[in-house]
Amino acid sequence: MPNLLHTGLERYFTPEQRARLSAARVGVAGAGGLGSNAALMLARCGLGHLLLVDHDLVEASNLNRQQYWPRHVGRPKVEALAELLCELNPDLDVQTRQERLTPQNLPAILPVCPIWVEALDGPDDKSLLVENALLLDRRVASASGMGGCGGAPMSRRSLGNLVLVGDFTTDILVAPPLAPRVTEAAALLADAVLEMILDGE
């Protein structure tokens, strides 16, 4: 049976671009509102290899903004997300690690992928991933500021191997994480990664 996603992508990407996307290996740290949406967008572009890292289970409070359905509640996020991604693209290589990133396990996880999506919640976890990934010469797309509705416009900043997206002011601990702005930030993350892959050396 033909891969319908790949068939459709022939309309939008050149053979060389499709080859780059198929060969690309991207890690997604955090499978919540940012990570689950960004991963799905990258899969829709024909990405070939994804590593999903998250320790959490799907909860009812996640359904307002994350790529999960009521049937997924109670299941590990990485497991449910991998299932959705492979339904969209059966040829996608999805690896999962149901664990929290720590200083102890980072040395074994970070080298696996040359590009990382930082989609974690806590500032300490964000810093841990970004700082260690950059030290290993990994490229990172990271988000900051996406709470509530309306608010400051989102933008993008490039700092060497690091791309930052978001409004850089609105903390989800102060304003609730809602689908429109969280998905907007996730789209900016996916777009940054797509550019890294297609324009990378």
N, C-alpha and C. Protein backbone atom coordinates (compact mmCIF):
# COMPACT_ATOMS: atom_id res chain seq x y z
N MET A 1 0.85 -1.19 0.00
CA MET A 1 0.00 0.00 0.00
C MET A 1 0.89 1.25 0.00
N PRO A 2 0.62 2.20 -0.90
CA PRO A 2 1.45 3.39 -0.97
C PRO A 2 1.31 4.26 0.29
N ASN A 3 2.38 4.97 0.61
CA ASN A 3 2.33 5.91 1.71
C ASN A 3 1.70 7.21 1.19
N LEU A 4 0.46 7.44 1.60
CA LEU A 4 -0.30 8.56 1.04
C LEU A 4 0.31 9.91 1.43
N LEU A 5 0.87 9.99 2.63
CA LEU A 5 1.52 11.24 3.03
C LEU A 5 2.68 11.55 2.09
N HIS A 6 3.52 10.55 1.84
CA HIS A 6 4.66 10.76 0.95
C HIS A 6 4.22 11.10 -0.47
N THR A 7 3.16 10.46 -0.92
CA THR A 7 2.64 10.76 -2.24
C THR A 7 2.21 12.22 -2.33
N GLY A 8 1.51 12.68 -1.31
CA GLY A 8 1.06 14.06 -1.30
C GLY A 8 2.20 15.06 -1.20
N LEU A 9 3.25 14.70 -0.45
CA LEU A 9 4.37 15.62 -0.26
C LEU A 9 5.16 15.87 -1.54
N GLU A 10 5.02 15.00 -2.53
CA GLU A 10 5.70 15.20 -3.81
C GLU A 10 5.27 16.51 -4.47
N ARG A 11 4.12 16.99 -4.08
CA ARG A 11 3.60 18.24 -4.64
C ARG A 11 4.30 19.47 -4.05
N TYR A 12 4.88 19.32 -2.85
CA TYR A 12 5.37 20.49 -2.13
C TYR A 12 6.89 20.54 -1.96
N PHE A 13 7.56 19.39 -2.01
CA PHE A 13 9.00 19.34 -1.80
C PHE A 13 9.69 18.70 -2.99
N THR A 14 10.89 19.18 -3.29
CA THR A 14 11.69 18.57 -4.36
C THR A 14 12.21 17.21 -3.88
N PRO A 15 12.67 16.37 -4.80
CA PRO A 15 13.25 15.09 -4.38
C PRO A 15 14.41 15.27 -3.39
N GLU A 16 15.24 16.28 -3.62
CA GLU A 16 16.36 16.53 -2.71
C GLU A 16 15.86 16.93 -1.32
N GLN A 17 14.85 17.76 -1.26
CA GLN A 17 14.29 18.16 0.03
C GLN A 17 13.66 16.98 0.74
N ARG A 18 12.95 16.14 0.00
CA ARG A 18 12.33 14.97 0.62
C ARG A 18 13.39 14.03 1.16
N ALA A 19 14.49 13.91 0.45
CA ALA A 19 15.59 13.05 0.91
C ALA A 19 16.19 13.59 2.20
N ARG A 20 16.37 14.91 2.28
CA ARG A 20 16.90 15.54 3.50
C ARG A 20 15.95 15.29 4.67
N LEU A 21 14.67 15.48 4.44
CA LEU A 21 13.69 15.29 5.50
C LEU A 21 13.63 13.84 5.95
N SER A 22 13.69 12.93 4.99
CA SER A 22 13.62 11.51 5.32
C SER A 22 14.81 11.06 6.14
N ALA A 23 15.97 11.66 5.90
CA ALA A 23 17.18 11.28 6.62
C ALA A 23 17.33 11.98 7.96
N ALA A 24 16.59 13.06 8.16
CA ALA A 24 16.77 13.89 9.36
C ALA A 24 16.34 13.15 10.62
N ARG A 25 17.06 13.43 11.70
CA ARG A 25 16.79 12.83 13.01
C ARG A 25 16.61 13.96 14.02
N VAL A 26 15.42 14.07 14.60
CA VAL A 26 15.09 15.16 15.51
C VAL A 26 14.61 14.60 16.84
N GLY A 27 15.12 15.17 17.92
CA GLY A 27 14.66 14.81 19.25
C GLY A 27 13.64 15.83 19.74
N VAL A 28 12.60 15.36 20.40
CA VAL A 28 11.58 16.24 20.98
C VAL A 28 11.55 15.97 22.47
N ALA A 29 12.01 16.95 23.23
CA ALA A 29 12.05 16.84 24.69
C ALA A 29 10.80 17.47 25.26
N GLY A 30 9.85 16.63 25.66
CA GLY A 30 8.57 17.10 26.13
C GLY A 30 7.50 16.82 25.10
N ALA A 31 6.48 16.05 25.48
CA ALA A 31 5.42 15.67 24.54
C ALA A 31 4.09 16.28 24.94
N GLY A 32 4.14 17.52 25.45
CA GLY A 32 2.92 18.22 25.84
C GLY A 32 2.41 19.10 24.71
N GLY A 33 1.95 20.32 25.08
CA GLY A 33 1.35 21.20 24.09
C GLY A 33 2.31 21.60 22.99
N LEU A 34 3.53 21.93 23.34
CA LEU A 34 4.52 22.29 22.33
C LEU A 34 5.03 21.06 21.58
N GLY A 35 5.50 20.07 22.33
CA GLY A 35 6.14 18.92 21.71
C GLY A 35 5.22 18.08 20.85
N SER A 36 4.01 17.82 21.33
CA SER A 36 3.11 16.97 20.55
C SER A 36 2.68 17.65 19.26
N ASN A 37 2.41 18.96 19.33
CA ASN A 37 2.02 19.69 18.12
C ASN A 37 3.18 19.85 17.16
N ALA A 38 4.37 20.18 17.67
CA ALA A 38 5.53 20.33 16.80
C ALA A 38 5.89 19.01 16.13
N ALA A 39 5.82 17.91 16.89
CA ALA A 39 6.15 16.60 16.32
C ALA A 39 5.20 16.25 15.19
N LEU A 40 3.92 16.51 15.38
CA LEU A 40 2.95 16.19 14.33
C LEU A 40 3.20 17.05 13.09
N MET A 41 3.53 18.33 13.28
CA MET A 41 3.81 19.19 12.12
C MET A 41 5.04 18.71 11.36
N LEU A 42 6.06 18.30 12.09
CA LEU A 42 7.27 17.80 11.43
C LEU A 42 6.99 16.49 10.70
N ALA A 43 6.18 15.64 11.30
CA ALA A 43 5.80 14.39 10.63
C ALA A 43 5.04 14.68 9.34
N ARG A 44 4.20 15.70 9.36
CA ARG A 44 3.43 16.07 8.16
C ARG A 44 4.34 16.58 7.04
N CYS A 45 5.54 17.00 7.39
CA CYS A 45 6.50 17.48 6.39
C CYS A 45 7.38 16.35 5.86
N GLY A 46 7.21 15.13 6.36
CA GLY A 46 7.97 14.00 5.85
C GLY A 46 9.23 13.68 6.63
N LEU A 47 9.33 14.18 7.86
CA LEU A 47 10.49 13.86 8.69
C LEU A 47 10.62 12.34 8.83
N GLY A 48 11.87 11.85 8.79
CA GLY A 48 12.07 10.41 8.80
C GLY A 48 12.27 9.77 10.15
N HIS A 49 12.86 10.53 11.11
CA HIS A 49 13.22 9.92 12.40
C HIS A 49 12.93 10.89 13.54
N LEU A 50 12.20 10.41 14.54
CA LEU A 50 11.87 11.21 15.71
C LEU A 50 12.20 10.43 16.98
N LEU A 51 12.77 11.13 17.96
CA LEU A 51 12.95 10.57 19.29
C LEU A 51 12.10 11.40 20.24
N LEU A 52 11.14 10.77 20.91
CA LEU A 52 10.25 11.46 21.85
C LEU A 52 10.66 11.12 23.27
N VAL A 53 10.86 12.15 24.09
CA VAL A 53 11.26 11.95 25.47
C VAL A 53 10.28 12.68 26.39
N ASP A 54 9.59 11.95 27.23
CA ASP A 54 8.67 12.55 28.21
C ASP A 54 8.32 11.48 29.24
N HIS A 55 8.20 11.89 30.49
CA HIS A 55 7.92 10.92 31.56
C HIS A 55 6.45 10.85 31.91
N ASP A 56 5.63 11.74 31.35
CA ASP A 56 4.27 11.97 31.86
C ASP A 56 3.22 11.10 31.17
N LEU A 57 2.04 11.07 31.82
CA LEU A 57 0.85 10.42 31.27
C LEU A 57 -0.12 11.48 30.77
N VAL A 58 -0.96 11.11 29.82
CA VAL A 58 -1.99 12.02 29.32
C VAL A 58 -3.06 12.19 30.39
N GLU A 59 -3.41 13.46 30.67
CA GLU A 59 -4.46 13.79 31.63
C GLU A 59 -5.57 14.55 30.92
N ALA A 60 -6.74 14.59 31.56
CA ALA A 60 -7.88 15.32 30.98
C ALA A 60 -7.54 16.78 30.75
N SER A 61 -6.73 17.36 31.62
CA SER A 61 -6.37 18.78 31.49
C SER A 61 -5.44 19.05 30.31
N ASN A 62 -4.93 18.00 29.69
CA ASN A 62 -4.06 18.15 28.51
C ASN A 62 -4.85 18.30 27.21
N LEU A 63 -6.11 17.88 27.23
CA LEU A 63 -6.86 17.77 25.99
C LEU A 63 -7.17 19.12 25.36
N ASN A 64 -7.03 20.22 26.12
CA ASN A 64 -7.37 21.53 25.57
C ASN A 64 -6.35 22.05 24.57
N ARG A 65 -5.13 21.45 24.53
CA ARG A 65 -4.09 22.03 23.67
C ARG A 65 -3.11 21.01 23.11
N GLN A 66 -3.14 19.79 23.59
CA GLN A 66 -2.16 18.80 23.18
C GLN A 66 -2.77 17.82 22.18
N GLN A 67 -1.93 17.16 21.40
CA GLN A 67 -2.40 16.29 20.31
C GLN A 67 -2.86 14.93 20.85
N TYR A 68 -3.79 14.97 21.78
CA TYR A 68 -4.32 13.73 22.35
C TYR A 68 -5.84 13.81 22.36
N TRP A 69 -6.45 12.62 22.42
CA TRP A 69 -7.90 12.49 22.42
C TRP A 69 -8.31 11.79 23.71
N PRO A 70 -9.60 11.85 24.06
CA PRO A 70 -10.03 11.22 25.31
C PRO A 70 -9.59 9.78 25.46
N ARG A 71 -9.47 9.04 24.37
CA ARG A 71 -9.06 7.64 24.46
C ARG A 71 -7.62 7.48 24.97
N HIS A 72 -6.84 8.57 24.91
CA HIS A 72 -5.44 8.49 25.33
C HIS A 72 -5.23 8.77 26.81
N VAL A 73 -6.24 9.27 27.51
CA VAL A 73 -6.08 9.64 28.91
C VAL A 73 -5.63 8.42 29.72
N GLY A 74 -4.59 8.63 30.51
CA GLY A 74 -4.03 7.55 31.33
C GLY A 74 -2.87 6.83 30.69
N ARG A 75 -2.64 7.06 29.40
CA ARG A 75 -1.54 6.39 28.70
C ARG A 75 -0.28 7.27 28.71
N PRO A 76 0.90 6.70 28.61
CA PRO A 76 2.11 7.51 28.48
C PRO A 76 2.02 8.41 27.24
N LYS A 77 2.41 9.65 27.41
CA LYS A 77 2.33 10.59 26.29
C LYS A 77 3.16 10.13 25.10
N VAL A 78 4.37 9.64 25.36
CA VAL A 78 5.22 9.25 24.22
C VAL A 78 4.60 8.08 23.46
N GLU A 79 3.93 7.20 24.17
CA GLU A 79 3.31 6.03 23.52
C GLU A 79 2.12 6.47 22.67
N ALA A 80 1.26 7.33 23.23
CA ALA A 80 0.09 7.80 22.50
C ALA A 80 0.50 8.65 21.29
N LEU A 81 1.50 9.49 21.47
CA LEU A 81 1.95 10.35 20.38
C LEU A 81 2.59 9.53 19.26
N ALA A 82 3.40 8.56 19.63
CA ALA A 82 4.03 7.70 18.63
C ALA A 82 2.96 6.97 17.80
N GLU A 83 1.91 6.56 18.44
CA GLU A 83 0.82 5.87 17.75
C GLU A 83 0.17 6.79 16.71
N LEU A 84 -0.09 8.04 17.10
CA LEU A 84 -0.70 9.00 16.18
C LEU A 84 0.23 9.32 15.00
N LEU A 85 1.50 9.50 15.30
CA LEU A 85 2.47 9.83 14.26
C LEU A 85 2.60 8.70 13.24
N CYS A 86 2.60 7.47 13.72
CA CYS A 86 2.74 6.32 12.82
C CYS A 86 1.46 6.05 12.04
N GLU A 87 0.33 6.48 12.58
CA GLU A 87 -0.92 6.38 11.82
C GLU A 87 -0.86 7.33 10.62
N LEU A 88 -0.31 8.52 10.85
CA LEU A 88 -0.16 9.49 9.77
C LEU A 88 0.87 9.02 8.76
N ASN A 89 2.02 8.53 9.25
CA ASN A 89 3.10 8.10 8.38
C ASN A 89 3.65 6.77 8.87
N PRO A 90 3.18 5.66 8.32
CA PRO A 90 3.62 4.34 8.78
C PRO A 90 5.11 4.09 8.60
N ASP A 91 5.77 4.87 7.74
CA ASP A 91 7.20 4.69 7.50
C ASP A 91 8.07 5.49 8.46
N LEU A 92 7.45 6.32 9.31
CA LEU A 92 8.20 7.15 10.24
C LEU A 92 8.86 6.28 11.31
N ASP A 93 10.13 6.51 11.54
CA ASP A 93 10.86 5.83 12.61
C ASP A 93 10.72 6.65 13.89
N VAL A 94 9.92 6.17 14.82
CA VAL A 94 9.68 6.88 16.08
C VAL A 94 10.25 6.06 17.23
N GLN A 95 11.19 6.64 17.94
CA GLN A 95 11.74 6.03 19.14
C GLN A 95 11.19 6.79 20.34
N THR A 96 10.93 6.10 21.43
CA THR A 96 10.36 6.75 22.62
C THR A 96 11.17 6.40 23.86
N ARG A 97 11.23 7.37 24.75
CA ARG A 97 11.85 7.17 26.06
C ARG A 97 10.92 7.79 27.09
N GLN A 98 10.26 6.94 27.87
CA GLN A 98 9.35 7.44 28.89
C GLN A 98 10.15 7.70 30.17
N GLU A 99 10.80 8.84 30.19
CA GLU A 99 11.60 9.22 31.35
C GLU A 99 11.79 10.72 31.36
N ARG A 100 12.10 11.23 32.53
CA ARG A 100 12.39 12.65 32.67
C ARG A 100 13.87 12.88 32.39
N LEU A 101 14.18 13.95 31.67
CA LEU A 101 15.57 14.26 31.40
C LEU A 101 16.26 14.73 32.68
N THR A 102 17.42 14.16 32.95
CA THR A 102 18.19 14.50 34.15
C THR A 102 19.66 14.65 33.75
N PRO A 103 20.47 15.24 34.61
CA PRO A 103 21.90 15.31 34.31
C PRO A 103 22.53 13.93 34.11
N GLN A 104 21.91 12.91 34.71
CA GLN A 104 22.45 11.56 34.61
C GLN A 104 22.16 10.90 33.26
N ASN A 105 20.96 11.10 32.71
CA ASN A 105 20.63 10.41 31.46
C ASN A 105 20.87 11.25 30.20
N LEU A 106 21.08 12.56 30.37
CA LEU A 106 21.31 13.41 29.20
C LEU A 106 22.49 12.97 28.34
N PRO A 107 23.63 12.58 28.94
CA PRO A 107 24.77 12.18 28.10
C PRO A 107 24.48 11.03 27.16
N ALA A 108 23.53 10.16 27.53
CA ALA A 108 23.18 9.04 26.66
C ALA A 108 22.11 9.41 25.63
N ILE A 109 21.32 10.45 25.91
CA ILE A 109 20.18 10.79 25.06
C ILE A 109 20.53 11.87 24.03
N LEU A 110 21.18 12.93 24.45
CA LEU A 110 21.42 14.07 23.56
C LEU A 110 22.19 13.73 22.28
N PRO A 111 23.23 12.89 22.34
CA PRO A 111 23.99 12.63 21.11
C PRO A 111 23.21 11.92 20.01
N VAL A 112 22.06 11.33 20.35
CA VAL A 112 21.29 10.55 19.37
C VAL A 112 20.79 11.42 18.22
N CYS A 113 20.47 12.69 18.51
CA CYS A 113 19.88 13.56 17.49
C CYS A 113 20.69 14.85 17.34
N PRO A 114 20.93 15.27 16.11
CA PRO A 114 21.66 16.54 15.89
C PRO A 114 20.79 17.77 16.09
N ILE A 115 19.47 17.59 16.08
CA ILE A 115 18.53 18.71 16.26
C ILE A 115 17.56 18.34 17.38
N TRP A 116 17.30 19.31 18.26
CA TRP A 116 16.37 19.08 19.37
C TRP A 116 15.30 20.17 19.43
N VAL A 117 14.08 19.74 19.72
CA VAL A 117 12.99 20.66 20.06
C VAL A 117 12.89 20.66 21.58
N GLU A 118 13.12 21.81 22.18
CA GLU A 118 12.96 21.95 23.63
C GLU A 118 11.52 22.33 23.89
N ALA A 119 10.75 21.41 24.47
CA ALA A 119 9.32 21.62 24.71
C ALA A 119 8.97 21.25 26.15
N LEU A 120 9.83 21.64 27.06
CA LEU A 120 9.67 21.30 28.48
C LEU A 120 8.97 22.43 29.22
N ASP A 121 8.46 22.12 30.41
CA ASP A 121 7.68 23.11 31.16
C ASP A 121 8.52 23.98 32.09
N GLY A 122 9.32 23.36 32.92
CA GLY A 122 10.03 24.10 33.96
C GLY A 122 11.27 24.81 33.44
N PRO A 123 11.58 26.00 33.97
CA PRO A 123 12.77 26.73 33.52
C PRO A 123 14.07 25.97 33.77
N ASP A 124 14.14 25.21 34.87
CA ASP A 124 15.36 24.44 35.15
C ASP A 124 15.56 23.33 34.12
N ASP A 125 14.45 22.66 33.76
CA ASP A 125 14.53 21.60 32.75
C ASP A 125 14.91 22.17 31.38
N LYS A 126 14.33 23.33 31.06
CA LYS A 126 14.65 23.99 29.79
C LYS A 126 16.14 24.30 29.71
N SER A 127 16.65 24.93 30.77
CA SER A 127 18.07 25.30 30.79
C SER A 127 18.97 24.08 30.70
N LEU A 128 18.59 23.02 31.40
CA LEU A 128 19.39 21.80 31.39
C LEU A 128 19.54 21.27 29.97
N LEU A 129 18.43 21.18 29.26
CA LEU A 129 18.49 20.65 27.91
C LEU A 129 19.26 21.57 26.97
N VAL A 130 18.88 22.84 26.95
CA VAL A 130 19.48 23.78 26.00
C VAL A 130 20.98 23.90 26.21
N GLU A 131 21.40 24.11 27.45
CA GLU A 131 22.82 24.31 27.72
C GLU A 131 23.65 23.09 27.34
N ASN A 132 23.16 21.91 27.70
CA ASN A 132 23.92 20.69 27.40
C ASN A 132 23.90 20.36 25.91
N ALA A 133 22.78 20.62 25.26
CA ALA A 133 22.71 20.37 23.81
C ALA A 133 23.68 21.27 23.05
N LEU A 134 23.72 22.54 23.43
CA LEU A 134 24.62 23.47 22.75
C LEU A 134 26.08 23.12 23.00
N LEU A 135 26.38 22.62 24.19
CA LEU A 135 27.75 22.20 24.48
C LEU A 135 28.17 21.05 23.59
N LEU A 136 27.20 20.23 23.16
CA LEU A 136 27.48 19.11 22.27
C LEU A 136 27.36 19.49 20.79
N ASP A 137 27.22 20.80 20.54
CA ASP A 137 27.10 21.30 19.18
C ASP A 137 25.83 20.82 18.49
N ARG A 138 24.79 20.60 19.29
CA ARG A 138 23.47 20.28 18.73
C ARG A 138 22.75 21.58 18.40
N ARG A 139 21.82 21.51 17.47
CA ARG A 139 20.98 22.66 17.16
C ARG A 139 19.68 22.51 17.94
N VAL A 140 19.17 23.63 18.46
CA VAL A 140 18.02 23.58 19.36
C VAL A 140 17.01 24.65 18.97
N ALA A 141 15.74 24.26 18.97
CA ALA A 141 14.63 25.21 18.86
C ALA A 141 13.91 25.19 20.20
N SER A 142 13.77 26.36 20.83
CA SER A 142 13.23 26.46 22.18
C SER A 142 12.16 27.54 22.23
N ALA A 143 11.17 27.38 23.11
CA ALA A 143 10.06 28.32 23.19
C ALA A 143 9.95 28.93 24.58
N SER A 144 9.53 30.20 24.60
CA SER A 144 9.33 30.90 25.87
C SER A 144 8.27 31.97 25.69
N GLY A 145 7.18 31.86 26.45
CA GLY A 145 6.14 32.87 26.40
C GLY A 145 5.03 32.54 25.44
N MET A 146 3.92 31.97 25.98
CA MET A 146 2.79 31.60 25.12
C MET A 146 1.49 31.49 25.90
N GLY A 147 1.46 32.06 27.11
CA GLY A 147 0.27 31.89 27.96
C GLY A 147 -0.88 32.79 27.55
N GLY A 148 -2.09 32.39 27.96
CA GLY A 148 -3.29 33.19 27.78
C GLY A 148 -3.73 33.32 26.34
N CYS A 149 -4.42 34.44 26.05
CA CYS A 149 -4.86 34.74 24.69
C CYS A 149 -4.55 36.20 24.40
N GLY A 150 -4.46 36.53 23.12
CA GLY A 150 -4.04 37.88 22.77
C GLY A 150 -2.60 38.08 23.18
N GLY A 151 -2.31 39.20 23.79
CA GLY A 151 -0.97 39.42 24.32
C GLY A 151 0.03 39.84 23.26
N ALA A 152 1.29 39.82 23.67
CA ALA A 152 2.36 40.29 22.79
C ALA A 152 2.51 39.38 21.58
N PRO A 153 2.86 39.94 20.43
CA PRO A 153 3.08 39.11 19.24
C PRO A 153 4.25 38.16 19.44
N MET A 154 4.15 37.00 18.85
CA MET A 154 5.25 36.04 18.92
C MET A 154 6.28 36.36 17.83
N SER A 155 7.52 36.05 18.15
CA SER A 155 8.60 36.30 17.20
C SER A 155 9.66 35.22 17.34
N ARG A 156 10.75 35.43 16.64
CA ARG A 156 11.81 34.43 16.60
C ARG A 156 13.17 35.11 16.70
N ARG A 157 14.05 34.51 17.48
CA ARG A 157 15.40 35.03 17.62
C ARG A 157 16.38 33.90 17.37
N SER A 158 17.39 34.16 16.55
CA SER A 158 18.42 33.16 16.26
C SER A 158 19.72 33.56 16.95
N LEU A 159 20.27 32.63 17.74
CA LEU A 159 21.51 32.86 18.46
C LEU A 159 22.44 31.67 18.21
N GLY A 160 23.14 31.70 17.07
CA GLY A 160 23.99 30.59 16.72
C GLY A 160 23.19 29.33 16.48
N ASN A 161 23.47 28.27 17.23
CA ASN A 161 22.76 27.00 17.08
C ASN A 161 21.42 26.97 17.81
N LEU A 162 21.05 28.08 18.44
CA LEU A 162 19.81 28.16 19.20
C LEU A 162 18.83 29.11 18.52
N VAL A 163 17.59 28.63 18.34
CA VAL A 163 16.50 29.48 17.86
C VAL A 163 15.46 29.55 18.97
N LEU A 164 15.12 30.77 19.38
CA LEU A 164 14.11 30.99 20.41
C LEU A 164 12.85 31.53 19.76
N VAL A 165 11.68 31.01 20.18
CA VAL A 165 10.41 31.50 19.66
C VAL A 165 9.47 31.78 20.83
N GLY A 166 8.47 32.60 20.57
CA GLY A 166 7.47 32.92 21.59
C GLY A 166 7.31 34.42 21.73
N ASP A 167 6.56 34.85 22.78
CA ASP A 167 6.46 36.29 23.03
C ASP A 167 7.47 36.74 24.08
N PHE A 168 8.13 35.77 24.72
CA PHE A 168 9.21 36.00 25.67
C PHE A 168 8.77 36.74 26.94
N THR A 169 7.46 36.84 27.16
CA THR A 169 6.98 37.56 28.34
C THR A 169 5.89 36.82 29.11
N THR A 170 5.02 36.10 28.41
CA THR A 170 3.82 35.55 29.04
C THR A 170 4.06 34.14 29.57
N ASP A 171 4.18 34.01 30.87
CA ASP A 171 4.47 32.73 31.52
C ASP A 171 3.19 31.92 31.65
N ILE A 172 3.25 30.64 31.29
CA ILE A 172 2.06 29.78 31.42
C ILE A 172 1.72 29.50 32.88
N LEU A 173 2.63 29.82 33.80
CA LEU A 173 2.32 29.68 35.22
C LEU A 173 1.48 30.86 35.71
N VAL A 174 1.44 31.93 34.93
CA VAL A 174 0.65 33.11 35.27
C VAL A 174 -0.63 33.16 34.44
N ALA A 175 -0.51 32.95 33.15
CA ALA A 175 -1.65 32.91 32.24
C ALA A 175 -1.81 31.48 31.74
N PRO A 176 -3.03 30.95 31.66
CA PRO A 176 -3.21 29.54 31.32
C PRO A 176 -2.74 29.19 29.92
N PRO A 177 -2.22 27.98 29.74
CA PRO A 177 -1.82 27.53 28.40
C PRO A 177 -3.06 27.14 27.59
N LEU A 178 -3.36 27.90 26.58
CA LEU A 178 -4.54 27.67 25.74
C LEU A 178 -4.12 27.30 24.32
N ALA A 179 -5.00 26.59 23.66
CA ALA A 179 -4.64 25.99 22.36
C ALA A 179 -4.10 26.98 21.33
N PRO A 180 -4.73 28.14 21.11
CA PRO A 180 -4.24 28.97 19.99
C PRO A 180 -2.79 29.41 20.13
N ARG A 181 -2.41 29.96 21.28
CA ARG A 181 -1.04 30.48 21.40
C ARG A 181 -0.01 29.37 21.59
N VAL A 182 -0.39 28.30 22.28
CA VAL A 182 0.53 27.17 22.42
C VAL A 182 0.80 26.55 21.05
N THR A 183 -0.25 26.39 20.25
CA THR A 183 -0.07 25.82 18.91
C THR A 183 0.71 26.77 18.01
N GLU A 184 0.52 28.08 18.18
CA GLU A 184 1.30 29.05 17.41
C GLU A 184 2.79 28.91 17.72
N ALA A 185 3.11 28.78 19.00
CA ALA A 185 4.52 28.61 19.39
C ALA A 185 5.06 27.28 18.86
N ALA A 186 4.25 26.23 18.92
CA ALA A 186 4.68 24.93 18.40
C ALA A 186 4.95 25.01 16.90
N ALA A 187 4.12 25.76 16.19
CA ALA A 187 4.33 25.93 14.74
C ALA A 187 5.64 26.66 14.46
N LEU A 188 5.97 27.65 15.27
CA LEU A 188 7.24 28.36 15.10
C LEU A 188 8.42 27.43 15.37
N LEU A 189 8.28 26.56 16.36
CA LEU A 189 9.34 25.57 16.64
C LEU A 189 9.53 24.64 15.45
N ALA A 190 8.42 24.11 14.93
CA ALA A 190 8.50 23.18 13.81
C ALA A 190 9.08 23.87 12.58
N ASP A 191 8.69 25.12 12.37
CA ASP A 191 9.20 25.87 11.23
C ASP A 191 10.71 26.09 11.34
N ALA A 192 11.18 26.38 12.56
CA ALA A 192 12.62 26.57 12.77
C ALA A 192 13.38 25.28 12.47
N VAL A 193 12.84 24.16 12.92
CA VAL A 193 13.50 22.87 12.67
C VAL A 193 13.48 22.55 11.17
N LEU A 194 12.36 22.80 10.54
CA LEU A 194 12.26 22.54 9.09
C LEU A 194 13.32 23.34 8.33
N GLU A 195 13.52 24.59 8.73
CA GLU A 195 14.54 25.41 8.08
C GLU A 195 15.94 24.86 8.35
N MET A 196 16.19 24.40 9.58
CA MET A 196 17.49 23.80 9.89
C MET A 196 17.78 22.61 8.98
N ILE A 197 16.76 21.81 8.73
CA ILE A 197 16.95 20.61 7.91
C ILE A 197 17.15 20.96 6.44
N LEU A 198 16.30 21.82 5.92
CA LEU A 198 16.33 22.11 4.49
C LEU A 198 17.44 23.06 4.09
N ASP A 199 17.85 23.93 5.01
CA ASP A 199 18.90 24.90 4.69
C ASP A 199 20.23 24.54 5.32
N GLY A 200 20.26 23.42 6.08
CA GLY A 200 21.50 23.03 6.76
C GLY A 200 22.54 22.55 5.79
N GLU A 201 23.79 22.59 6.26
CA GLU A 201 24.89 22.14 5.41
C GLU A 201 24.99 20.63 5.42
